[in-house]
C-alpha cells in the first residue's frame, strides 16, 4: 500500500496548505526567490502559476527496481531549480519546453499511467510544482490511484519542504552532485548546494529508509542515491562517496552513473567537453566498493 493511502483528510489539507503558502511568494526551493507566482511572476526556475509538463509516459531507463518490465510512469516537469550547464534534458530544464495543465488534468495523467501498467508515478524535478502535484495526487487517490510515488530530484531541496512530503512519497531518488561549493556555482549555478542537499537527503532517508522491493523486484519504498561522475572530477566523486559512507543515509542504495556527455553549454567549457574515461569511472567505482557500497548499480563506460 502506498504511503499516501494512510493520510487522513486533515493531514492532506495540512500538507496542501503548507505547500500553497510556499508557492506564493515562492519559497519551495533553497533559492527562496519569492516570485509572486499567483500574480504572474516567474521563479528563477521558470515556473509560473500553472503547472507545466514537458511529457508524461512510461520510462524504461531508470534503475531496474523503478522501471521494471512495465516502465515507470514518468512526469517530466518543465523548468528546474538548478542551472546545470551539462543538463541532458536542457530543452525541458533550461528552455522550459512543455504545456500548461490544470491540476485536474495532472491528476488524470497519474491515473492514465497507472492504467497503462506503470509500476509507479515518477515525479522528475517536481519542486516548483509541489503544490500542484500533491493536490493532484489527492484527487487521483480518491479516484483509485494505488501505485507508489517516486521523487526524482537534483537533491537541491529545502529540508522543511521535504518534511511536508512525509507519507506522500514512497521512493526518493535524489542526486548528491557535489561535496562542497568549489564547483557547484560554475557547473550548476548554485553556491549553497551541499548546505541544503545533505540535510534534505538525510530527511528523505529518515522517512523511507533502505530500499525495499516486492516479489517482482519493484521498489515499494526506500531511497536510491544517485551520483553522476563528471570528467576531471574524480576527487569530487571520491569525497561525495566518503561523505555518503559516514552519513545518516548510508543505508540507501547507490547508483553510480557514467552516462555524462557534454550537452548544452558544456561544450563551451574545455575541462568538461568530453565523456568520462573508463579509467576515471573505474577509479571511482573501486573506491565505492572499498567503502562497502555493494548494494546498488554501476554502469559500464
Protein backbone atom coordinates (compact mmCIF):
# COMPACT_ATOMS: atom_id res chain seq x y z
CA UNK A 1 0.00 0.00 0.00
CA UNK A 2 1.43 3.42 -0.93
CA UNK A 3 2.12 5.69 2.00
CA UNK A 4 -0.31 8.36 0.78
CA UNK A 5 -3.20 5.96 1.38
CA UNK A 6 -2.53 6.30 5.12
CA UNK A 7 -3.12 10.08 5.18
CA UNK A 8 -6.28 11.44 6.75
CA UNK A 9 -8.24 14.27 5.13
CA UNK A 10 -6.87 16.64 7.77
CA UNK A 11 -3.28 15.60 7.02
CA UNK A 12 -3.80 16.09 3.29
CA UNK A 13 -5.16 19.57 3.94
CA UNK A 14 -2.22 20.49 6.19
CA UNK A 15 0.30 19.46 3.56
CA UNK A 16 -1.50 21.23 0.72
CA UNK A 17 -1.85 24.40 2.80
CA UNK A 18 1.86 24.40 3.67
CA UNK A 19 2.84 23.99 0.02
CA UNK A 20 0.38 26.68 -1.07
CA UNK A 21 1.94 29.16 1.38
CA UNK A 22 5.39 28.38 -0.02
CA UNK A 23 4.18 28.53 -3.62
CA UNK A 24 3.47 32.28 -3.49
CA UNK A 25 5.67 34.10 -2.73
CA UNK A 26 7.74 31.12 -3.82
CA UNK A 27 9.96 29.51 -1.20
CA UNK A 28 9.73 25.93 -2.39
CA UNK A 29 13.44 25.54 -3.16
CA UNK A 30 16.59 26.82 -1.40
CA UNK A 31 16.75 29.84 -3.70
CA UNK A 32 13.64 31.19 -1.95
CA UNK A 33 13.31 33.70 -4.80
CA UNK A 34 9.95 34.99 -3.57
CA UNK A 35 8.34 35.03 -7.02
CA UNK A 36 4.72 36.18 -6.86
CA UNK A 37 3.54 33.29 -8.98
CA UNK A 38 -0.18 33.85 -8.27
CA UNK A 39 0.19 37.34 -9.74
CA UNK A 40 2.02 36.49 -12.95
CA UNK A 41 5.53 36.26 -11.53
CA UNK A 42 8.06 33.64 -12.62
CA UNK A 43 10.52 31.88 -10.36
CA UNK A 44 14.24 31.61 -11.11
CA UNK A 45 13.33 28.08 -12.23
CA UNK A 46 10.93 29.48 -14.83
CA UNK A 47 7.79 28.19 -13.12
CA UNK A 48 4.62 30.27 -13.23
CA UNK A 49 1.17 29.99 -11.66
CA UNK A 50 0.08 26.95 -13.64
CA UNK A 51 1.82 23.61 -13.71
CA UNK A 52 3.84 22.96 -16.87
CA UNK A 53 4.69 19.44 -18.01
CA UNK A 54 7.05 18.55 -20.84
CA UNK A 55 5.99 14.92 -21.15
CA UNK A 56 4.36 12.02 -19.35
CA UNK A 57 4.97 8.47 -20.44
CA UNK A 58 6.25 5.05 -19.48
CA UNK A 59 10.01 5.27 -18.96
CA UNK A 60 12.30 2.25 -19.08
CA UNK A 61 15.67 3.88 -18.42
CA UNK A 62 15.60 4.25 -14.65
CA UNK A 63 17.24 1.84 -12.21
CA UNK A 64 15.77 -1.68 -12.55
CA UNK A 65 13.59 -1.57 -9.39
CA UNK A 66 11.99 1.65 -10.64
CA UNK A 67 11.43 0.88 -14.34
CA UNK A 68 10.84 -2.84 -14.01
CA UNK A 69 9.35 -4.53 -17.07
CA UNK A 70 6.30 -2.29 -17.49
CA UNK A 71 8.03 1.06 -17.06
CA UNK A 72 7.96 3.94 -14.63
CA UNK A 73 5.10 6.41 -15.08
CA UNK A 74 7.31 9.45 -15.51
CA UNK A 75 6.14 13.06 -15.35
CA UNK A 76 8.80 15.47 -16.65
CA UNK A 77 8.02 18.86 -15.12
CA UNK A 78 9.25 21.94 -17.04
CA UNK A 79 11.97 24.12 -15.56
CA UNK A 80 14.48 23.36 -12.82
CA UNK A 81 15.74 24.88 -9.60
CA UNK A 82 19.33 24.33 -10.75
CA UNK A 83 21.15 25.58 -13.84
CA UNK A 84 23.46 22.71 -14.75
CA UNK A 85 25.47 23.63 -17.84
CA UNK A 86 25.65 19.96 -18.84
CA UNK A 87 21.96 19.09 -18.45
CA UNK A 88 20.94 16.34 -20.85
CA UNK A 89 17.32 17.47 -20.56
CA UNK A 90 18.09 21.14 -21.20
CA UNK A 91 15.11 21.70 -23.58
CA UNK A 92 12.93 20.95 -20.54
CA UNK A 93 15.02 22.37 -17.70
CA UNK A 94 16.52 25.47 -19.37
CA UNK A 95 14.37 26.18 -22.41
CA UNK A 96 11.17 25.45 -20.46
CA UNK A 97 9.53 23.36 -23.18
CA UNK A 98 6.17 21.87 -22.31
CA UNK A 99 2.47 22.62 -21.98
CA UNK A 100 0.39 24.10 -19.20
CA UNK A 101 -2.16 21.87 -17.49
CA UNK A 102 -4.81 22.16 -14.81
CA UNK A 103 -4.44 20.29 -11.55
CA UNK A 104 -7.32 18.07 -12.65
CA UNK A 105 -5.50 17.22 -15.89
CA UNK A 106 -2.31 16.44 -13.96
CA UNK A 107 -4.31 14.09 -11.75
CA UNK A 108 -5.63 12.41 -14.88
CA UNK A 109 -2.06 11.80 -16.07
CA UNK A 110 -1.36 9.77 -12.94
CA UNK A 111 -4.43 7.61 -13.48
CA UNK A 112 -3.69 7.18 -17.19
CA UNK A 113 -0.16 5.97 -16.48
CA UNK A 114 -1.46 3.53 -13.86
CA UNK A 115 -3.99 2.20 -16.38
CA UNK A 116 -1.15 1.67 -18.87
CA UNK A 117 0.64 -0.57 -16.38
CA UNK A 118 3.15 1.80 -14.78
CA UNK A 119 4.85 0.43 -11.67
CA UNK A 120 4.86 3.89 -10.09
CA UNK A 121 4.36 7.61 -10.69
CA UNK A 122 7.77 9.22 -11.09
CA UNK A 123 7.99 12.99 -10.46
CA UNK A 124 11.07 14.37 -12.28
CA UNK A 125 12.24 17.78 -10.96
CA UNK A 126 8.88 18.47 -9.29
CA UNK A 127 9.98 21.01 -6.65
CA UNK A 128 8.47 24.17 -8.22
CA UNK A 129 5.16 22.36 -8.66
CA UNK A 130 4.75 20.56 -5.37
CA UNK A 131 1.56 22.42 -4.50
CA UNK A 132 0.04 21.30 -7.81
CA UNK A 133 1.43 17.77 -7.63
CA UNK A 134 0.25 16.98 -4.11
CA UNK A 135 -3.18 18.43 -4.77
CA UNK A 136 -3.41 16.36 -7.97
CA UNK A 137 -2.24 13.29 -6.10
CA UNK A 138 -5.03 13.66 -3.58
CA UNK A 139 -7.59 13.83 -6.40
CA UNK A 140 -6.10 10.77 -8.08
CA UNK A 141 -6.05 8.86 -4.81
CA UNK A 142 -9.79 9.44 -4.44
CA UNK A 143 -10.25 8.02 -7.95
CA UNK A 144 -8.27 4.85 -7.38
CA UNK A 145 -4.58 5.61 -7.72
CA UNK A 146 -2.73 2.90 -5.81
CA UNK A 147 0.88 2.77 -7.01
CA UNK A 148 3.98 4.26 -5.31
CA UNK A 149 5.23 7.80 -5.80
CA UNK A 150 8.88 8.26 -6.81
CA UNK A 151 10.54 11.63 -6.16
CA UNK A 152 13.33 12.18 -8.70
CA UNK A 153 15.40 15.24 -7.75
CA UNK A 154 18.75 17.00 -8.08
CA UNK A 155 18.96 16.96 -4.28
CA UNK A 156 18.80 20.76 -4.12
CA UNK A 157 15.87 20.92 -1.74
CA UNK A 158 14.71 22.71 1.40
CA UNK A 159 14.56 20.26 4.28
CA UNK A 160 11.38 21.91 5.56
CA UNK A 161 9.63 21.24 2.25
CA UNK A 162 10.80 17.62 2.18
CA UNK A 163 9.43 17.22 5.71
CA UNK A 164 6.00 18.15 4.36
CA UNK A 165 6.20 15.21 1.91
CA UNK A 166 6.36 12.57 4.62
CA UNK A 167 3.88 9.78 3.77
CA UNK A 168 3.34 11.31 0.34
CA UNK A 169 6.50 9.92 -1.31
CA UNK A 170 7.34 6.21 -1.23
CA UNK A 171 10.68 6.18 -3.06
CA UNK A 172 13.16 9.03 -3.05
CA UNK A 173 15.72 9.17 -5.85
CA UNK A 174 17.97 12.21 -5.19
CA UNK A 175 21.31 13.14 -6.68
CA UNK A 176 24.24 14.11 -4.50
CA UNK A 177 26.28 16.01 -7.06
CA UNK A 178 28.94 17.95 -5.15
CA UNK A 179 30.64 17.77 -1.76
CA UNK A 180 31.26 21.49 -1.34
CA UNK A 181 30.78 24.81 -3.09
CA UNK A 182 34.01 24.84 -5.06
CA UNK A 183 32.48 23.69 -8.35
CA UNK A 184 28.69 23.84 -7.92
CA UNK A 185 28.45 27.56 -8.88
CA UNK A 186 30.39 27.02 -12.12
CA UNK A 187 28.60 23.88 -13.26
CA UNK A 188 25.15 24.15 -11.66
CA UNK A 189 24.59 27.81 -10.86
CA UNK A 190 24.15 27.45 -7.09
CA UNK A 191 26.63 28.34 -4.36
CA UNK A 192 24.92 26.53 -1.50
CA UNK A 193 24.23 23.10 -2.99
CA UNK A 194 25.73 20.83 -0.33
CA UNK A 195 24.48 23.02 2.52
CA UNK A 196 20.92 22.16 1.50
CA UNK A 197 21.25 18.80 -0.26
CA UNK A 198 22.89 16.98 2.64
CA UNK A 199 20.19 17.64 5.28
CA UNK A 200 17.38 17.26 2.74
CA UNK A 201 18.65 13.84 1.67
CA UNK A 202 19.00 12.87 5.32
CA UNK A 203 15.34 13.74 5.83
CA UNK A 204 14.33 11.70 2.79
CA UNK A 205 16.07 8.64 4.19
CA UNK A 206 14.55 9.17 7.64
CA UNK A 207 11.11 8.97 6.05
CA UNK A 208 11.51 5.89 3.85
CA UNK A 209 14.71 4.06 4.88
CA UNK A 210 16.50 1.39 2.90
CA UNK A 211 15.17 0.23 -0.46
CA UNK A 212 12.50 -2.45 -0.24
CA UNK A 213 11.16 -4.33 -3.24
CA UNK A 214 8.19 -6.61 -3.85
CA UNK A 215 8.19 -10.16 -5.20
CA UNK A 216 8.75 -8.80 -8.73
CA UNK A 217 11.78 -6.82 -7.63
CA UNK A 218 9.93 -3.50 -7.94
CA UNK A 219 10.66 -0.72 -5.46
CA UNK A 220 7.88 -0.18 -2.95
CA UNK A 221 9.67 2.09 -0.50
CA UNK A 222 13.14 3.44 0.23
CA UNK A 223 15.89 5.55 -1.26
CA UNK A 224 18.30 5.30 -4.19
CA UNK A 225 21.11 7.86 -4.07
CA UNK A 226 22.49 8.81 -7.46
CA UNK A 227 25.86 10.32 -8.28
CA UNK A 228 26.94 11.34 -11.78
CA UNK A 229 30.70 11.34 -12.33
CA UNK A 230 31.89 14.42 -14.23
CA UNK A 231 35.05 14.40 -16.38
CA UNK A 232 38.08 15.54 -14.45
CA UNK A 233 36.19 15.43 -11.15
CA UNK A 234 37.30 12.13 -9.66
CA UNK A 235 38.21 13.84 -6.38
CA UNK A 236 34.73 15.35 -6.09
CA UNK A 237 33.18 11.92 -6.59
CA UNK A 238 35.50 10.28 -4.06
CA UNK A 239 34.62 12.91 -1.50
CA UNK A 240 30.88 12.54 -2.15
CA UNK A 241 31.17 8.79 -1.62
CA UNK A 242 33.21 9.25 1.54
CA UNK A 243 30.61 11.63 2.96
CA UNK A 244 27.83 9.25 1.94
CA UNK A 245 29.58 6.37 3.73
CA UNK A 246 29.58 8.34 7.01
CA UNK A 247 26.11 9.87 6.69
CA UNK A 248 22.78 9.13 8.33
CA UNK A 249 21.59 7.88 4.92
CA UNK A 250 24.44 5.42 4.27
CA UNK A 251 21.88 2.61 4.09
CA UNK A 252 20.50 3.95 0.80
CA UNK A 253 21.25 2.08 -2.42
CA UNK A 254 23.90 3.71 -4.60
CA UNK A 255 23.56 4.36 -8.32
CA UNK A 256 26.95 5.48 -9.67
CA UNK A 257 26.37 6.88 -13.14
CA UNK A 258 28.83 7.18 -16.03
CA UNK A 259 26.40 8.48 -18.65
CA UNK A 260 27.71 12.05 -18.76
CA UNK A 261 28.19 13.62 -22.17
CA UNK A 262 28.85 17.30 -22.98
CA UNK A 263 25.30 18.53 -23.57
CA UNK A 264 24.00 22.10 -23.70
CA UNK A 265 26.70 24.63 -22.64
CA UNK A 266 29.26 22.05 -21.52
CA UNK A 267 30.79 22.29 -24.98
CA UNK A 268 31.92 25.82 -24.04
CA UNK A 269 33.97 24.52 -21.11
CA UNK A 270 37.08 22.62 -22.26
CA UNK A 271 37.54 20.70 -19.00
CA UNK A 272 34.12 19.03 -19.25
CA UNK A 273 33.78 18.95 -23.05
CA UNK A 274 34.35 15.20 -23.19
CA UNK A 275 32.95 11.98 -21.84
CA UNK A 276 34.14 10.34 -18.65
CA UNK A 277 37.03 7.97 -19.31
CA UNK A 278 36.90 4.31 -18.34
CA UNK A 279 39.92 4.91 -16.05
CA UNK A 280 38.11 7.70 -14.20
CA UNK A 281 34.99 5.64 -13.72
CA UNK A 282 36.86 2.52 -12.61
CA UNK A 283 38.77 4.53 -10.01
CA UNK A 284 35.56 5.91 -8.53
CA UNK A 285 33.80 2.56 -8.76
CA UNK A 286 36.64 0.77 -6.96
CA UNK A 287 36.63 3.43 -4.28
CA UNK A 288 32.87 2.92 -3.79
CA UNK A 289 33.40 -0.82 -3.44
CA UNK A 290 36.20 -0.24 -0.92
CA UNK A 291 33.75 1.80 1.18
CA UNK A 292 31.30 -1.10 1.17
CA UNK A 293 28.82 0.11 -1.45
CA UNK A 294 27.84 -3.22 -2.96
CA UNK A 295 24.07 -2.72 -2.85
CA UNK A 296 23.30 -0.69 -5.96
CA UNK A 297 24.16 -0.15 -9.60
CA UNK A 298 27.27 0.62 -11.62
CA UNK A 299 27.37 1.49 -15.32
CA UNK A 300 29.91 0.39 -17.89
CA UNK A 301 31.80 3.14 -19.72
